[in-house]
Amino acid sequence: MAKAKRKGGTRRRARAAGYKSGLEQQLHQGLMKKAEYEPEWAEVQYTVTKTYKPDFAFPTQPSIVYESKGRFRTFDEAKKYIHVRDSNPGLVIRFIIPEPGQRAYPQSKMSLGDWLTKHGFEWCTDIGIPKEWRS
């Protein structure tokens, strides 16, 4: 790629409505004016692959994992468990929580217990772990 020399430092560009930045507007109205701006037909999906390591699992039941959780730190952390479950249809994630009434995450109005139930996760409190969960 050829690099053109620019005089001075970086500069802020004012932008018109419809553009996310002044640079996009400048390019679309100048050197890239024959290109379509933000074309729907060029939308590209992508997937980020990450790994999840559960808190507990029994070797005799590898398709069931256990997560101990006081609350989620962020909304994105809460969504992580939905993504893990949806990416692994045979996996069951069971939550062990101390306070079902605790907020699910700081910005949530929903309790942790209600959030887990709403999203179809099995859960219990740390003092009421079912016997069948412990073998």
C-alpha atoms as a PDB file:
ATOM      1  CA  MET A   1       0.000   0.000   0.000  1.00  0.00           C
ATOM      2  CA  ALA A   2       1.212   3.418  -0.831  1.00  0.00           C
ATOM      3  CA  LYS A   3       1.411   5.895   2.003  1.00  0.00           C
ATOM      4  CA  ALA A   4       0.796   9.509   1.188  1.00  0.00           C
ATOM      5  CA  LYS A   5       2.503  12.077   3.331  1.00  0.00           C
ATOM      6  CA  ARG A   6       0.169  14.258   5.310  1.00  0.00           C
ATOM      7  CA  LYS A   7       1.109  17.682   6.530  1.00  0.00           C
ATOM      8  CA  GLY A   8       0.543  18.296  10.215  1.00  0.00           C
ATOM      9  CA  GLY A   9      -1.048  15.930  12.715  1.00  0.00           C
ATOM     10  CA  THR A  10      -4.420  14.275  12.743  1.00  0.00           C
ATOM     11  CA  ARG A  11      -7.415  16.516  12.393  1.00  0.00           C
ATOM     12  CA  ARG A  12     -11.034  16.169  13.358  1.00  0.00           C
ATOM     13  CA  ARG A  13     -13.495  16.260  10.529  1.00  0.00           C
ATOM     14  CA  ALA A  14     -17.036  17.544  10.915  1.00  0.00           C
ATOM     15  CA  ARG A  15     -19.572  15.037   9.690  1.00  0.00           C
ATOM     16  CA  ALA A  16     -22.964  15.347   8.086  1.00  0.00           C
ATOM     17  CA  ALA A  17     -25.977  13.347   9.212  1.00  0.00           C
ATOM     18  CA  GLY A  18     -25.938   9.816   7.835  1.00  0.00           C
ATOM     19  CA  TYR A  19     -22.204   9.278   8.295  1.00  0.00           C
ATOM     20  CA  LYS A  20     -20.526   7.764  11.347  1.00  0.00           C
ATOM     21  CA  SER A  21     -17.425   9.881  10.905  1.00  0.00           C
ATOM     22  CA  GLY A  22     -16.100  12.874   9.045  1.00  0.00           C
ATOM     23  CA  LEU A  23     -13.547  10.636   7.326  1.00  0.00           C
ATOM     24  CA  GLU A  24     -16.309   8.398   5.917  1.00  0.00           C
ATOM     25  CA  GLN A  25     -18.131  11.452   4.605  1.00  0.00           C
ATOM     26  CA  GLN A  26     -14.970  12.920   3.092  1.00  0.00           C
ATOM     27  CA  LEU A  27     -14.082   9.657   1.347  1.00  0.00           C
ATOM     28  CA  HIS A  28     -17.631   9.012   0.100  1.00  0.00           C
ATOM     29  CA  GLN A  29     -17.868  12.497  -1.335  1.00  0.00           C
ATOM     30  CA  GLY A  30     -14.343  12.341  -2.749  1.00  0.00           C
ATOM     31  CA  LEU A  31     -12.116   9.421  -3.696  1.00  0.00           C
ATOM     32  CA  MET A  32     -14.759   6.755  -2.914  1.00  0.00           C
ATOM     33  CA  LYS A  33     -17.764   8.565  -4.454  1.00  0.00           C
ATOM     34  CA  LYS A  34     -18.415   5.742  -6.943  1.00  0.00           C
ATOM     35  CA  ALA A  35     -18.674   3.209  -4.096  1.00  0.00           C
ATOM     36  CA  GLU A  36     -21.972   2.537  -2.362  1.00  0.00           C
ATOM     37  CA  TYR A  37     -21.949   3.743   1.264  1.00  0.00           C
ATOM     38  CA  GLU A  38     -22.944   1.090   3.857  1.00  0.00           C
ATOM     39  CA  PRO A  39     -24.497  -1.296   1.318  1.00  0.00           C
ATOM     40  CA  GLU A  40     -26.950  -3.807   2.792  1.00  0.00           C
ATOM     41  CA  TRP A  41     -25.848  -6.421   0.241  1.00  0.00           C
ATOM     42  CA  ALA A  42     -22.260  -6.342   1.558  1.00  0.00           C
ATOM     43  CA  GLU A  43     -23.166  -7.145   5.172  1.00  0.00           C
ATOM     44  CA  VAL A  44     -20.915  -9.877   6.559  1.00  0.00           C
ATOM     45  CA  GLN A  45     -21.666 -12.046   9.572  1.00  0.00           C
ATOM     46  CA  TYR A  46     -18.851 -13.195  11.811  1.00  0.00           C
ATOM     47  CA  THR A  47     -18.430 -15.500  14.757  1.00  0.00           C
ATOM     48  CA  VAL A  48     -16.006 -15.160  17.620  1.00  0.00           C
ATOM     49  CA  THR A  49     -14.874 -18.490  19.007  1.00  0.00           C
ATOM     50  CA  LYS A  50     -14.127 -18.584  22.713  1.00  0.00           C
ATOM     51  CA  THR A  51     -13.874 -21.300  25.302  1.00  0.00           C
ATOM     52  CA  TYR A  52     -15.825 -21.759  28.512  1.00  0.00           C
ATOM     53  CA  LYS A  53     -14.519 -23.614  31.535  1.00  0.00           C
ATOM     54  CA  PRO A  54     -17.290 -24.511  34.011  1.00  0.00           C
ATOM     55  CA  ASP A  55     -16.787 -24.359  37.759  1.00  0.00           C
ATOM     56  CA  PHE A  56     -17.764 -27.998  38.344  1.00  0.00           C
ATOM     57  CA  ALA A  57     -18.530 -31.178  36.383  1.00  0.00           C
ATOM     58  CA  PHE A  58     -18.743 -34.892  37.134  1.00  0.00           C
ATOM     59  CA  PRO A  59     -16.820 -37.240  34.810  1.00  0.00           C
ATOM     60  CA  THR A  60     -19.839 -39.570  34.846  1.00  0.00           C
ATOM     61  CA  GLN A  61     -22.080 -36.793  33.438  1.00  0.00           C
ATOM     62  CA  PRO A  62     -19.941 -34.706  31.050  1.00  0.00           C
ATOM     63  CA  SER A  63     -23.003 -33.121  29.407  1.00  0.00           C
ATOM     64  CA  ILE A  64     -24.015 -31.407  32.672  1.00  0.00           C
ATOM     65  CA  VAL A  65     -21.877 -28.611  34.094  1.00  0.00           C
ATOM     66  CA  TYR A  66     -22.289 -26.456  37.183  1.00  0.00           C
ATOM     67  CA  GLU A  67     -21.645 -22.762  37.574  1.00  0.00           C
ATOM     68  CA  SER A  68     -21.503 -21.035  40.960  1.00  0.00           C
ATOM     69  CA  LYS A  69     -22.558 -17.434  40.599  1.00  0.00           C
ATOM     70  CA  GLY A  70     -23.324 -14.636  43.043  1.00  0.00           C
ATOM     71  CA  ARG A  71     -24.313 -12.332  40.184  1.00  0.00           C
ATOM     72  CA  PHE A  72     -23.124 -11.441  36.723  1.00  0.00           C
ATOM     73  CA  ARG A  73     -20.672  -8.538  36.589  1.00  0.00           C
ATOM     74  CA  THR A  74     -22.105  -7.251  33.305  1.00  0.00           C
ATOM     75  CA  PHE A  75     -24.896  -7.888  30.827  1.00  0.00           C
ATOM     76  CA  ASP A  76     -22.303  -9.359  28.435  1.00  0.00           C
ATOM     77  CA  GLU A  77     -21.240 -11.891  31.061  1.00  0.00           C
ATOM     78  CA  ALA A  78     -24.873 -12.949  31.470  1.00  0.00           C
ATOM     79  CA  LYS A  79     -25.270 -13.325  27.694  1.00  0.00           C
ATOM     80  CA  LYS A  80     -22.158 -15.518  27.606  1.00  0.00           C
ATOM     81  CA  TYR A  81     -24.046 -18.390  29.234  1.00  0.00           C
ATOM     82  CA  ILE A  82     -26.831 -18.153  26.661  1.00  0.00           C
ATOM     83  CA  HIS A  83     -24.217 -18.280  23.871  1.00  0.00           C
ATOM     84  CA  VAL A  84     -22.450 -21.256  25.494  1.00  0.00           C
ATOM     85  CA  ARG A  85     -25.721 -23.161  25.827  1.00  0.00           C
ATOM     86  CA  ASP A  86     -26.934 -22.286  22.324  1.00  0.00           C
ATOM     87  CA  SER A  87     -23.582 -23.284  20.796  1.00  0.00           C
ATOM     88  CA  ASN A  88     -23.664 -26.642  22.607  1.00  0.00           C
ATOM     89  CA  PRO A  89     -27.207 -28.046  22.317  1.00  0.00           C
ATOM     90  CA  GLY A  90     -26.413 -31.186  24.329  1.00  0.00           C
ATOM     91  CA  LEU A  91     -24.967 -29.245  27.262  1.00  0.00           C
ATOM     92  CA  VAL A  92     -26.939 -28.490  30.433  1.00  0.00           C
ATOM     93  CA  ILE A  93     -25.654 -25.615  32.561  1.00  0.00           C
ATOM     94  CA  ARG A  94     -26.904 -25.670  36.146  1.00  0.00           C
ATOM     95  CA  PHE A  95     -26.385 -22.653  38.378  1.00  0.00           C
ATOM     96  CA  ILE A  96     -25.783 -22.699  42.112  1.00  0.00           C
ATOM     97  CA  ILE A  97     -26.506 -19.268  43.551  1.00  0.00           C
ATOM     98  CA  PRO A  98     -26.499 -17.863  47.115  1.00  0.00           C
ATOM     99  CA  GLU A  99     -29.204 -15.186  46.757  1.00  0.00           C
ATOM    100  CA  PRO A 100     -31.930 -15.651  44.111  1.00  0.00           C
ATOM    101  CA  GLY A 101     -33.201 -12.133  44.855  1.00  0.00           C
ATOM    102  CA  GLN A 102     -29.850 -10.465  44.065  1.00  0.00           C
ATOM    103  CA  ARG A 103     -29.864  -8.384  40.894  1.00  0.00           C
ATOM    104  CA  ALA A 104     -28.773 -10.430  37.882  1.00  0.00           C
ATOM    105  CA  TYR A 105     -26.219  -7.709  36.951  1.00  0.00           C
ATOM    106  CA  PRO A 106     -25.807  -4.065  38.028  1.00  0.00           C
ATOM    107  CA  GLN A 107     -28.037  -2.490  35.338  1.00  0.00           C
ATOM    108  CA  SER A 108     -30.740  -5.164  35.599  1.00  0.00           C
ATOM    109  CA  LYS A 109     -34.078  -4.736  37.303  1.00  0.00           C
ATOM    110  CA  MET A 110     -34.499  -8.522  37.235  1.00  0.00           C
ATOM    111  CA  SER A 111     -33.298 -10.789  40.025  1.00  0.00           C
ATOM    112  CA  LEU A 112     -30.723 -13.477  39.299  1.00  0.00           C
ATOM    113  CA  GLY A 113     -33.229 -16.258  39.980  1.00  0.00           C
ATOM    114  CA  ASP A 114     -35.805 -14.677  37.663  1.00  0.00           C
ATOM    115  CA  TRP A 115     -33.188 -14.121  34.937  1.00  0.00           C
ATOM    116  CA  LEU A 116     -32.046 -17.753  35.075  1.00  0.00           C
ATOM    117  CA  THR A 117     -35.641 -19.010  34.984  1.00  0.00           C
ATOM    118  CA  LYS A 118     -36.569 -16.674  32.115  1.00  0.00           C
ATOM    119  CA  HIS A 119     -33.647 -17.968  30.053  1.00  0.00           C
ATOM    120  CA  GLY A 120     -34.373 -21.629  30.783  1.00  0.00           C
ATOM    121  CA  PHE A 121     -31.477 -22.439  33.107  1.00  0.00           C
ATOM    122  CA  GLU A 122     -31.790 -24.857  36.004  1.00  0.00           C
ATOM    123  CA  TRP A 123     -30.727 -23.340  39.327  1.00  0.00           C
ATOM    124  CA  CYS A 124     -30.765 -23.848  43.059  1.00  0.00           C
ATOM    125  CA  THR A 125     -29.370 -22.101  46.116  1.00  0.00           C
ATOM    126  CA  ASP A 126     -26.051 -23.085  47.637  1.00  0.00           C
ATOM    127  CA  ILE A 127     -27.819 -24.456  50.731  1.00  0.00           C
ATOM    128  CA  GLY A 128     -30.437 -26.378  48.748  1.00  0.00           C
ATOM    129  CA  ILE A 129     -28.445 -28.332  46.176  1.00  0.00           C
ATOM    130  CA  PRO A 130     -30.555 -31.337  45.122  1.00  0.00           C
ATOM    131  CA  LYS A 131     -29.026 -34.719  45.888  1.00  0.00           C
ATOM    132  CA  GLU A 132     -29.233 -35.740  42.224  1.00  0.00           C
ATOM    133  CA  TRP A 133     -27.034 -32.745  41.336  1.00  0.00           C
ATOM    134  CA  ARG A 134     -24.268 -34.036  43.616  1.00  0.00           C
ATOM    135  CA  SER A 135     -23.530 -37.393  42.023  1.00  0.00           C
END
